[in-house]
PDB file of all heavy atoms in Angstrom:
ATOM      1  N   TYR A   1       1.191  11.430  18.936  1.00  0.00           N
ATOM      2  CA  TYR A   1       1.050  11.734  20.368  1.00  0.00           C
ATOM      3  C   TYR A   1       2.069  10.975  21.213  1.00  0.00           C
ATOM      4  O   TYR A   1       2.608  11.521  22.186  1.00  0.00           O
ATOM      5  CB  TYR A   1      -0.378  11.403  20.809  1.00  0.00           C
ATOM      6  CG  TYR A   1      -0.609  11.442  22.294  1.00  0.00           C
ATOM      7  CD1 TYR A   1      -0.685  12.654  22.983  1.00  0.00           C
ATOM      8  CD2 TYR A   1      -0.766  10.255  23.022  1.00  0.00           C
ATOM      9  CE1 TYR A   1      -0.911  12.679  24.355  1.00  0.00           C
ATOM     10  CE2 TYR A   1      -0.987  10.274  24.391  1.00  0.00           C
ATOM     11  CZ  TYR A   1      -1.060  11.491  25.057  1.00  0.00           C
ATOM     12  OH  TYR A   1      -1.275  11.509  26.417  1.00  0.00           O
ATOM     13  N   VAL A   2       2.348   9.721  20.846  1.00  0.00           N
ATOM     14  CA  VAL A   2       3.302   8.922  21.630  1.00  0.00           C
ATOM     15  C   VAL A   2       4.720   9.028  21.094  1.00  0.00           C
ATOM     16  O   VAL A   2       5.632   8.357  21.597  1.00  0.00           O
ATOM     17  CB  VAL A   2       2.861   7.446  21.711  1.00  0.00           C
ATOM     18  CG1 VAL A   2       1.471   7.327  22.315  1.00  0.00           C
ATOM     19  CG2 VAL A   2       2.906   6.768  20.344  1.00  0.00           C
ATOM     20  N   GLY A   3       4.928   9.846  20.071  1.00  0.00           N
ATOM     21  CA  GLY A   3       6.272  10.100  19.580  1.00  0.00           C
ATOM     22  C   GLY A   3       6.837   9.054  18.646  1.00  0.00           C
ATOM     23  O   GLY A   3       8.057   8.882  18.555  1.00  0.00           O
ATOM     24  N   VAL A   4       5.955   8.345  17.924  1.00  0.00           N
ATOM     25  CA  VAL A   4       6.395   7.318  16.968  1.00  0.00           C
ATOM     26  C   VAL A   4       6.119   7.820  15.553  1.00  0.00           C
ATOM     27  O   VAL A   4       4.986   8.227  15.248  1.00  0.00           O
ATOM     28  CB  VAL A   4       5.678   5.975  17.207  1.00  0.00           C
ATOM     29  CG1 VAL A   4       6.048   4.969  16.121  1.00  0.00           C
ATOM     30  CG2 VAL A   4       6.028   5.428  18.586  1.00  0.00           C
ATOM     31  N   GLN A   5       7.122   7.779  14.699  1.00  0.00           N
ATOM     32  CA  GLN A   5       6.988   8.279  13.338  1.00  0.00           C
ATOM     33  C   GLN A   5       6.990   7.122  12.334  1.00  0.00           C
ATOM     34  O   GLN A   5       7.858   6.251  12.387  1.00  0.00           O
ATOM     35  CB  GLN A   5       8.129   9.246  13.003  1.00  0.00           C
ATOM     36  CG  GLN A   5       8.191  10.453  13.915  1.00  0.00           C
ATOM     37  CD  GLN A   5       6.932  11.299  13.851  1.00  0.00           C
ATOM     38  OE1 GLN A   5       6.405  11.565  12.770  1.00  0.00           O
ATOM     39  NE2 GLN A   5       6.448  11.736  15.009  1.00  0.00           N
ATOM     40  N   ARG A   6       6.006   7.113  11.451  1.00  0.00           N
ATOM     41  CA  ARG A   6       5.940   6.145  10.359  1.00  0.00           C
ATOM     42  C   ARG A   6       5.408   6.855   9.122  1.00  0.00           C
ATOM     43  O   ARG A   6       4.775   7.898   9.207  1.00  0.00           O
ATOM     44  CB  ARG A   6       5.031   4.957  10.710  1.00  0.00           C
ATOM     45  CG  ARG A   6       5.631   3.964  11.694  1.00  0.00           C
ATOM     46  CD  ARG A   6       6.853   3.280  11.141  1.00  0.00           C
ATOM     47  NE  ARG A   6       7.406   2.288  12.046  1.00  0.00           N
ATOM     48  CZ  ARG A   6       8.261   2.526  13.030  1.00  0.00           C
ATOM     49  NH1 ARG A   6       8.620   3.775  13.276  1.00  0.00           N
ATOM     50  NH2 ARG A   6       8.732   1.566  13.773  1.00  0.00           N
ATOM     51  N   ARG A   7       5.647   6.246   7.958  1.00  0.00           N
ATOM     52  CA  ARG A   7       5.106   6.789   6.713  1.00  0.00           C
ATOM     53  C   ARG A   7       3.773   6.113   6.408  1.00  0.00           C
ATOM     54  O   ARG A   7       3.644   4.895   6.539  1.00  0.00           O
ATOM     55  CB  ARG A   7       6.095   6.575   5.557  1.00  0.00           C
ATOM     56  CG  ARG A   7       7.374   7.370   5.698  1.00  0.00           C
ATOM     57  CD  ARG A   7       8.165   7.358   4.395  1.00  0.00           C
ATOM     58  NE  ARG A   7       8.550   6.019   4.003  1.00  0.00           N
ATOM     59  CZ  ARG A   7       9.674   5.421   4.388  1.00  0.00           C
ATOM     60  NH1 ARG A   7      10.513   6.046   5.195  1.00  0.00           N
ATOM     61  NH2 ARG A   7       9.961   4.202   3.978  1.00  0.00           N
ATOM     62  N   PHE A   8       2.815   6.909   5.963  1.00  0.00           N
ATOM     63  CA  PHE A   8       1.484   6.400   5.666  1.00  0.00           C
ATOM     64  C   PHE A   8       1.063   6.833   4.269  1.00  0.00           C
ATOM     65  O   PHE A   8       1.417   7.915   3.801  1.00  0.00           O
ATOM     66  CB  PHE A   8       0.458   6.931   6.675  1.00  0.00           C
ATOM     67  CG  PHE A   8       0.657   6.422   8.077  1.00  0.00           C
ATOM     68  CD1 PHE A   8       1.414   7.145   8.988  1.00  0.00           C
ATOM     69  CD2 PHE A   8       0.106   5.223   8.478  1.00  0.00           C
ATOM     70  CE1 PHE A   8       1.611   6.681  10.278  1.00  0.00           C
ATOM     71  CE2 PHE A   8       0.291   4.736   9.752  1.00  0.00           C
ATOM     72  CZ  PHE A   8       1.048   5.479  10.664  1.00  0.00           C
ATOM     73  N   VAL A   9       0.277   5.974   3.629  1.00  0.00           N
ATOM     74  CA  VAL A   9      -0.249   6.289   2.303  1.00  0.00           C
ATOM     75  C   VAL A   9      -1.582   5.553   2.155  1.00  0.00           C
ATOM     76  O   VAL A   9      -1.793   4.495   2.770  1.00  0.00           O
ATOM     77  CB  VAL A   9       0.751   5.871   1.196  1.00  0.00           C
ATOM     78  CG1 VAL A   9       0.947   4.369   1.174  1.00  0.00           C
ATOM     79  CG2 VAL A   9       0.315   6.390  -0.160  1.00  0.00           C
ATOM     80  N   ALA A  10      -2.491   6.096   1.368  1.00  0.00           N
ATOM     81  CA  ALA A  10      -3.782   5.453   1.106  1.00  0.00           C
ATOM     82  C   ALA A  10      -3.696   4.644  -0.172  1.00  0.00           C
ATOM     83  O   ALA A  10      -3.102   5.086  -1.160  1.00  0.00           O
ATOM     84  CB  ALA A  10      -4.886   6.500   0.985  1.00  0.00           C
ATOM     85  N   SER A  11      -4.296   3.464  -0.177  1.00  0.00           N
ATOM     86  CA  SER A  11      -4.247   2.611  -1.366  1.00  0.00           C
ATOM     87  C   SER A  11      -4.888   3.295  -2.562  1.00  0.00           C
ATOM     88  O   SER A  11      -4.443   3.122  -3.703  1.00  0.00           O
ATOM     89  CB  SER A  11      -4.937   1.272  -1.086  1.00  0.00           C
ATOM     90  OG  SER A  11      -6.287   1.469  -0.676  1.00  0.00           O
ATOM     91  N   SER A  12      -5.923   4.094  -2.332  1.00  0.00           N
ATOM     92  CA  SER A  12      -6.595   4.762  -3.447  1.00  0.00           C
ATOM     93  C   SER A  12      -5.705   5.804  -4.110  1.00  0.00           C
ATOM     94  O   SER A  12      -5.942   6.178  -5.262  1.00  0.00           O
ATOM     95  CB  SER A  12      -7.886   5.430  -2.965  1.00  0.00           C
ATOM     96  OG  SER A  12      -7.611   6.388  -1.954  1.00  0.00           O
ATOM     97  N   ASP A  13      -4.681   6.269  -3.414  1.00  0.00           N
ATOM     98  CA  ASP A  13      -3.771   7.265  -3.983  1.00  0.00           C
ATOM     99  C   ASP A  13      -2.654   6.641  -4.815  1.00  0.00           C
ATOM    100  O   ASP A  13      -2.065   7.307  -5.667  1.00  0.00           O
ATOM    101  CB  ASP A  13      -3.138   8.103  -2.870  1.00  0.00           C
ATOM    102  CG  ASP A  13      -4.123   9.065  -2.227  1.00  0.00           C
ATOM    103  OD1 ASP A  13      -5.124   9.402  -2.887  1.00  0.00           O
ATOM    104  OD2 ASP A  13      -3.897   9.457  -1.069  1.00  0.00           O
ATOM    105  N   ILE A  14      -2.347   5.370  -4.543  1.00  0.00           N
ATOM    106  CA  ILE A  14      -1.208   4.759  -5.233  1.00  0.00           C
ATOM    107  C   ILE A  14      -1.609   3.628  -6.169  1.00  0.00           C
ATOM    108  O   ILE A  14      -0.817   3.212  -7.013  1.00  0.00           O
ATOM    109  CB  ILE A  14      -0.173   4.220  -4.207  1.00  0.00           C
ATOM    110  CG1 ILE A  14      -0.797   3.144  -3.311  1.00  0.00           C
ATOM    111  CG2 ILE A  14       0.379   5.357  -3.356  1.00  0.00           C
ATOM    112  CD1 ILE A  14       0.191   2.470  -2.382  1.00  0.00           C
ATOM    113  N   ASP A  15      -2.838   3.125  -6.017  1.00  0.00           N
ATOM    114  CA  ASP A  15      -3.281   2.004  -6.842  1.00  0.00           C
ATOM    115  C   ASP A  15      -4.766   2.184  -7.121  1.00  0.00           C
ATOM    116  O   ASP A  15      -5.606   1.617  -6.430  1.00  0.00           O
ATOM    117  CB  ASP A  15      -3.018   0.673  -6.122  1.00  0.00           C
ATOM    118  CG  ASP A  15      -3.386  -0.533  -6.977  1.00  0.00           C
ATOM    119  OD1 ASP A  15      -3.506  -0.377  -8.206  1.00  0.00           O
ATOM    120  OD2 ASP A  15      -3.552  -1.626  -6.413  1.00  0.00           O
ATOM    121  N   PRO A  16      -5.122   3.009  -8.090  1.00  0.00           N
ATOM    122  CA  PRO A  16      -6.513   3.415  -8.276  1.00  0.00           C
ATOM    123  C   PRO A  16      -7.451   2.325  -8.775  1.00  0.00           C
ATOM    124  O   PRO A  16      -8.649   2.569  -8.891  1.00  0.00           O
ATOM    125  CB  PRO A  16      -6.408   4.546  -9.300  1.00  0.00           C
ATOM    126  CG  PRO A  16      -5.148   4.264 -10.052  1.00  0.00           C
ATOM    127  CD  PRO A  16      -4.214   3.653  -9.063  1.00  0.00           C
ATOM    128  N   ASP A  17      -6.943   1.142  -9.074  1.00  0.00           N
ATOM    129  CA  ASP A  17      -7.805   0.063  -9.565  1.00  0.00           C
ATOM    130  C   ASP A  17      -7.893  -1.043  -8.516  1.00  0.00           C
ATOM    131  O   ASP A  17      -7.023  -1.912  -8.446  1.00  0.00           O
ATOM    132  CB  ASP A  17      -7.252  -0.503 -10.874  1.00  0.00           C
ATOM    133  CG  ASP A  17      -8.167  -1.568 -11.475  1.00  0.00           C
ATOM    134  OD1 ASP A  17      -9.247  -1.813 -10.888  1.00  0.00           O
ATOM    135  OD2 ASP A  17      -7.824  -2.146 -12.508  1.00  0.00           O
ATOM    136  N   PRO A  18      -8.930  -1.015  -7.682  1.00  0.00           N
ATOM    137  CA  PRO A  18      -9.047  -2.002  -6.607  1.00  0.00           C
ATOM    138  C   PRO A  18      -9.718  -3.307  -7.012  1.00  0.00           C
ATOM    139  O   PRO A  18     -10.030  -4.139  -6.164  1.00  0.00           O
ATOM    140  CB  PRO A  18      -9.911  -1.260  -5.580  1.00  0.00           C
ATOM    141  CG  PRO A  18     -10.821  -0.431  -6.419  1.00  0.00           C
ATOM    142  CD  PRO A  18     -10.014  -0.020  -7.641  1.00  0.00           C
ATOM    143  N   ARG A  19      -9.933  -3.514  -8.321  1.00  0.00           N
ATOM    144  CA  ARG A  19     -10.669  -4.708  -8.746  1.00  0.00           C
ATOM    145  C   ARG A  19      -9.900  -5.989  -8.464  1.00  0.00           C
ATOM    146  O   ARG A  19     -10.481  -7.047  -8.246  1.00  0.00           O
ATOM    147  CB  ARG A  19     -11.002  -4.600 -10.233  1.00  0.00           C
ATOM    148  CG  ARG A  19     -12.083  -3.560 -10.541  1.00  0.00           C
ATOM    149  CD  ARG A  19     -12.293  -3.393 -12.022  1.00  0.00           C
ATOM    150  NE  ARG A  19     -11.106  -2.856 -12.680  1.00  0.00           N
ATOM    151  CZ  ARG A  19     -11.021  -2.631 -13.984  1.00  0.00           C
ATOM    152  NH1 ARG A  19     -12.053  -2.911 -14.775  1.00  0.00           N
ATOM    153  NH2 ARG A  19      -9.913  -2.123 -14.506  1.00  0.00           N
ATOM    154  N   VAL A  20      -8.586  -5.907  -8.485  1.00  0.00           N
ATOM    155  CA  VAL A  20      -7.767  -7.057  -8.093  1.00  0.00           C
ATOM    156  C   VAL A  20      -7.655  -7.045  -6.581  1.00  0.00           C
ATOM    157  O   VAL A  20      -7.205  -6.055  -5.992  1.00  0.00           O
ATOM    158  CB  VAL A  20      -6.365  -6.991  -8.737  1.00  0.00           C
ATOM    159  CG1 VAL A  20      -5.507  -8.139  -8.231  1.00  0.00           C
ATOM    160  CG2 VAL A  20      -6.486  -7.031 -10.251  1.00  0.00           C
ATOM    161  N   GLY A  21      -8.085  -8.114  -5.936  1.00  0.00           N
ATOM    162  CA  GLY A  21      -8.107  -8.137  -4.477  1.00  0.00           C
ATOM    163  C   GLY A  21      -7.221  -9.202  -3.886  1.00  0.00           C
ATOM    164  O   GLY A  21      -6.461  -9.877  -4.587  1.00  0.00           O
ATOM    165  N   GLY A  22      -7.333  -9.348  -2.581  1.00  0.00           N
ATOM    166  CA  GLY A  22      -6.642 -10.408  -1.877  1.00  0.00           C
ATOM    167  C   GLY A  22      -5.132 -10.356  -2.008  1.00  0.00           C
ATOM    168  O   GLY A  22      -4.504  -9.299  -1.990  1.00  0.00           O
ATOM    169  N   GLU A  23      -4.562 -11.525  -2.166  1.00  0.00           N
ATOM    170  CA  GLU A  23      -3.112 -11.675  -2.225  1.00  0.00           C
ATOM    171  C   GLU A  23      -2.493 -10.906  -3.389  1.00  0.00           C
ATOM    172  O   GLU A  23      -1.441 -10.280  -3.253  1.00  0.00           O
ATOM    173  CB  GLU A  23      -2.777 -13.165  -2.332  1.00  0.00           C
ATOM    174  CG  GLU A  23      -1.320 -13.501  -2.171  1.00  0.00           C
ATOM    175  CD  GLU A  23      -1.107 -15.000  -2.220  1.00  0.00           C
ATOM    176  OE1 GLU A  23      -1.078 -15.552  -3.328  1.00  0.00           O
ATOM    177  OE2 GLU A  23      -0.988 -15.605  -1.139  1.00  0.00           O
ATOM    178  N   GLN A  24      -3.170 -10.923  -4.540  1.00  0.00           N
ATOM    179  CA  GLN A  24      -2.643 -10.226  -5.715  1.00  0.00           C
ATOM    180  C   GLN A  24      -2.553  -8.721  -5.464  1.00  0.00           C
ATOM    181  O   GLN A  24      -1.600  -8.064  -5.885  1.00  0.00           O
ATOM    182  CB  GLN A  24      -3.524 -10.499  -6.938  1.00  0.00           C
ATOM    183  CG  GLN A  24      -3.393 -11.899  -7.500  1.00  0.00           C
ATOM    184  CD  GLN A  24      -4.283 -12.086  -8.722  1.00  0.00           C
ATOM    185  OE1 GLN A  24      -5.513 -11.984  -8.644  1.00  0.00           O
ATOM    186  NE2 GLN A  24      -3.671 -12.319  -9.865  1.00  0.00           N
ATOM    187  N   ARG A  25      -3.545  -8.183  -4.769  1.00  0.00           N
ATOM    188  CA  ARG A  25      -3.530  -6.741  -4.483  1.00  0.00           C
ATOM    189  C   ARG A  25      -2.365  -6.394  -3.569  1.00  0.00           C
ATOM    190  O   ARG A  25      -1.674  -5.393  -3.755  1.00  0.00           O
ATOM    191  CB  ARG A  25      -4.851  -6.329  -3.827  1.00  0.00           C
ATOM    192  CG  ARG A  25      -4.942  -4.803  -3.543  1.00  0.00           C
ATOM    193  CD  ARG A  25      -5.481  -4.087  -4.739  1.00  0.00           C
ATOM    194  NE  ARG A  25      -5.381  -2.640  -4.681  1.00  0.00           N
ATOM    195  CZ  ARG A  25      -6.222  -1.831  -4.033  1.00  0.00           C
ATOM    196  NH1 ARG A  25      -7.220  -2.339  -3.333  1.00  0.00           N
ATOM    197  NH2 ARG A  25      -6.070  -0.530  -4.100  1.00  0.00           N
ATOM    198  N   VAL A  26      -2.159  -7.198  -2.550  1.00  0.00           N
ATOM    199  CA  VAL A  26      -1.062  -6.945  -1.607  1.00  0.00           C
ATOM    200  C   VAL A  26       0.279  -6.986  -2.321  1.00  0.00           C
ATOM    201  O   VAL A  26       1.142  -6.115  -2.118  1.00  0.00           O
ATOM    202  CB  VAL A  26      -1.101  -7.957  -0.450  1.00  0.00           C
ATOM    203  CG1 VAL A  26       0.170  -7.874   0.378  1.00  0.00           C
ATOM    204  CG2 VAL A  26      -2.317  -7.721   0.429  1.00  0.00           C
ATOM    205  N   ILE A  27       0.468  -7.992  -3.161  1.00  0.00           N
ATOM    206  CA  ILE A  27       1.736  -8.100  -3.908  1.00  0.00           C
ATOM    207  C   ILE A  27       1.923  -6.881  -4.801  1.00  0.00           C
ATOM    208  O   ILE A  27       3.024  -6.327  -4.899  1.00  0.00           O
ATOM    209  CB  ILE A  27       1.764  -9.400  -4.725  1.00  0.00           C
ATOM    210  CG1 ILE A  27       1.896 -10.606  -3.777  1.00  0.00           C
ATOM    211  CG2 ILE A  27       2.910  -9.382  -5.738  1.00  0.00           C
ATOM    212  CD1 ILE A  27       1.800 -11.947  -4.468  1.00  0.00           C
ATOM    213  N   ARG A  28       0.843  -6.437  -5.428  1.00  0.00           N
ATOM    214  CA  ARG A  28       0.948  -5.278  -6.304  1.00  0.00           C
ATOM    215  C   ARG A  28       1.314  -4.019  -5.505  1.00  0.00           C
ATOM    216  O   ARG A  28       2.103  -3.187  -5.955  1.00  0.00           O
ATOM    217  CB  ARG A  28      -0.367  -5.064  -7.054  1.00  0.00           C
ATOM    218  CG  ARG A  28      -0.243  -4.022  -8.160  1.00  0.00           C
ATOM    219  CD  ARG A  28      -1.395  -4.126  -9.131  1.00  0.00           C
ATOM    220  NE  ARG A  28      -2.646  -3.670  -8.557  1.00  0.00           N
ATOM    221  CZ  ARG A  28      -3.801  -3.672  -9.217  1.00  0.00           C
ATOM    222  NH1 ARG A  28      -3.849  -4.135 -10.462  1.00  0.00           N
ATOM    223  NH2 ARG A  28      -4.903  -3.246  -8.650  1.00  0.00           N
ATOM    224  N   LEU A  29       0.740  -3.877  -4.326  1.00  0.00           N
ATOM    225  CA  LEU A  29       1.076  -2.736  -3.480  1.00  0.00           C
ATOM    226  C   LEU A  29       2.540  -2.780  -3.049  1.00  0.00           C
ATOM    227  O   LEU A  29       3.224  -1.751  -3.018  1.00  0.00           O
ATOM    228  CB  LEU A  29       0.164  -2.698  -2.252  1.00  0.00           C
ATOM    229  CG  LEU A  29      -1.297  -2.306  -2.513  1.00  0.00           C
ATOM    230  CD1 LEU A  29      -2.153  -2.561  -1.274  1.00  0.00           C
ATOM    231  CD2 LEU A  29      -1.412  -0.849  -2.931  1.00  0.00           C
ATOM    232  N   CYS A  30       3.020  -3.976  -2.718  1.00  0.00           N
ATOM    233  CA  CYS A  30       4.431  -4.124  -2.343  1.00  0.00           C
ATOM    234  C   CYS A  30       5.339  -3.726  -3.503  1.00  0.00           C
ATOM    235  O   CYS A  30       6.344  -3.022  -3.314  1.00  0.00           O
ATOM    236  CB  CYS A  30       4.727  -5.557  -1.922  1.00  0.00           C
ATOM    237  SG  CYS A  30       4.061  -6.028  -0.299  1.00  0.00           S
ATOM    238  N   GLU A  31       4.985  -4.176  -4.688  1.00  0.00           N
ATOM    239  CA  GLU A  31       5.795  -3.839  -5.861  1.00  0.00           C
ATOM    240  C   GLU A  31       5.769  -2.336  -6.123  1.00  0.00           C
ATOM    241  O   GLU A  31       6.795  -1.726  -6.438  1.00  0.00           O
ATOM    242  CB  GLU A  31       5.291  -4.613  -7.077  1.00  0.00           C
ATOM    243  CG  GLU A  31       5.550  -6.117  -6.982  1.00  0.00           C
ATOM    244  CD  GLU A  31       4.951  -6.881  -8.149  1.00  0.00           C
ATOM    245  OE1 GLU A  31       3.939  -6.408  -8.736  1.00  0.00           O
ATOM    246  OE2 GLU A  31       5.482  -7.957  -8.477  1.00  0.00           O
ATOM    247  N   HIS A  32       4.598  -1.747  -5.988  1.00  0.00           N
ATOM    248  CA  HIS A  32       4.467  -0.314  -6.250  1.00  0.00           C
ATOM    249  C   HIS A  32       5.295   0.505  -5.272  1.00  0.00           C
ATOM    250  O   HIS A  32       5.890   1.523  -5.649  1.00  0.00           O
ATOM    251  CB  HIS A  32       2.998   0.094  -6.153  1.00  0.00           C
ATOM    252  CG  HIS A  32       2.725   1.493  -6.624  1.00  0.00           C
ATOM    253  ND1 HIS A  32       3.015   2.604  -5.850  1.00  0.00           N
ATOM    254  CD2 HIS A  32       2.192   1.966  -7.784  1.00  0.00           C
ATOM    255  CE1 HIS A  32       2.680   3.690  -6.514  1.00  0.00           C
ATOM    256  NE2 HIS A  32       2.178   3.342  -7.690  1.00  0.00           N
ATOM    257  N   ARG A  33       5.340   0.061  -4.006  1.00  0.00           N
ATOM    258  CA  ARG A  33       6.071   0.808  -2.981  1.00  0.00           C
ATOM    259  C   ARG A  33       7.503   0.314  -2.815  1.00  0.00           C
ATOM    260  O   ARG A  33       8.216   0.735  -1.921  1.00  0.00           O
ATOM    261  CB  ARG A  33       5.334   0.726  -1.638  1.00  0.00           C
ATOM    262  CG  ARG A  33       3.899   1.178  -1.690  1.00  0.00           C
ATOM    263  CD  ARG A  33       3.735   2.541  -2.320  1.00  0.00           C
ATOM    264  NE  ARG A  33       4.286   3.618  -1.489  1.00  0.00           N
ATOM    265  CZ  ARG A  33       4.381   4.874  -1.877  1.00  0.00           C
ATOM    266  NH1 ARG A  33       3.995   5.216  -3.103  1.00  0.00           N
ATOM    267  NH2 ARG A  33       4.875   5.793  -1.068  1.00  0.00           N
ATOM    268  N   GLN A  34       7.913  -0.625  -3.694  1.00  0.00           N
ATOM    269  CA  GLN A  34       9.274  -1.169  -3.689  1.00  0.00           C
ATOM    270  C   GLN A  34       9.634  -1.762  -2.324  1.00  0.00           C
ATOM    271  O   GLN A  34      10.719  -1.526  -1.777  1.00  0.00           O
ATOM    272  CB  GLN A  34      10.280  -0.084  -4.095  1.00  0.00           C
ATOM    273  CG  GLN A  34      10.044   0.438  -5.508  1.00  0.00           C
ATOM    274  CD  GLN A  34      11.040   1.511  -5.913  1.00  0.00           C
ATOM    275  OE1 GLN A  34      11.498   2.298  -5.099  1.00  0.00           O
ATOM    276  NE2 GLN A  34      11.396   1.537  -7.186  1.00  0.00           N
ATOM    277  N   ALA A  35       8.698  -2.532  -1.791  1.00  0.00           N
ATOM    278  CA  ALA A  35       8.903  -3.198  -0.507  1.00  0.00           C
ATOM    279  C   ALA A  35       9.319  -4.643  -0.738  1.00  0.00           C
ATOM    280  O   ALA A  35       8.722  -5.351  -1.551  1.00  0.00           O
ATOM    281  CB  ALA A  35       7.630  -3.152   0.324  1.00  0.00           C
ATOM    282  N   SER A  36      10.319  -5.083  -0.026  1.00  0.00           N
ATOM    283  CA  SER A  36      10.794  -6.460  -0.165  1.00  0.00           C
ATOM    284  C   SER A  36      10.289  -7.366   0.953  1.00  0.00           C
ATOM    285  O   SER A  36      10.509  -8.583   0.925  1.00  0.00           O
ATOM    286  CB  SER A  36      12.324  -6.491  -0.188  1.00  0.00           C
ATOM    287  OG  SER A  36      12.855  -5.831   0.942  1.00  0.00           O
TER     288      SER A  36
END
């Protein structure tokens, strides 16, 4: 609506095992999405 474009994804679509939480989960998501 305000004209801002970003990419979005759900964690359940890219990392189906949520048993690892907290900091480890975030790092894993960064690695999966190739974010530095």
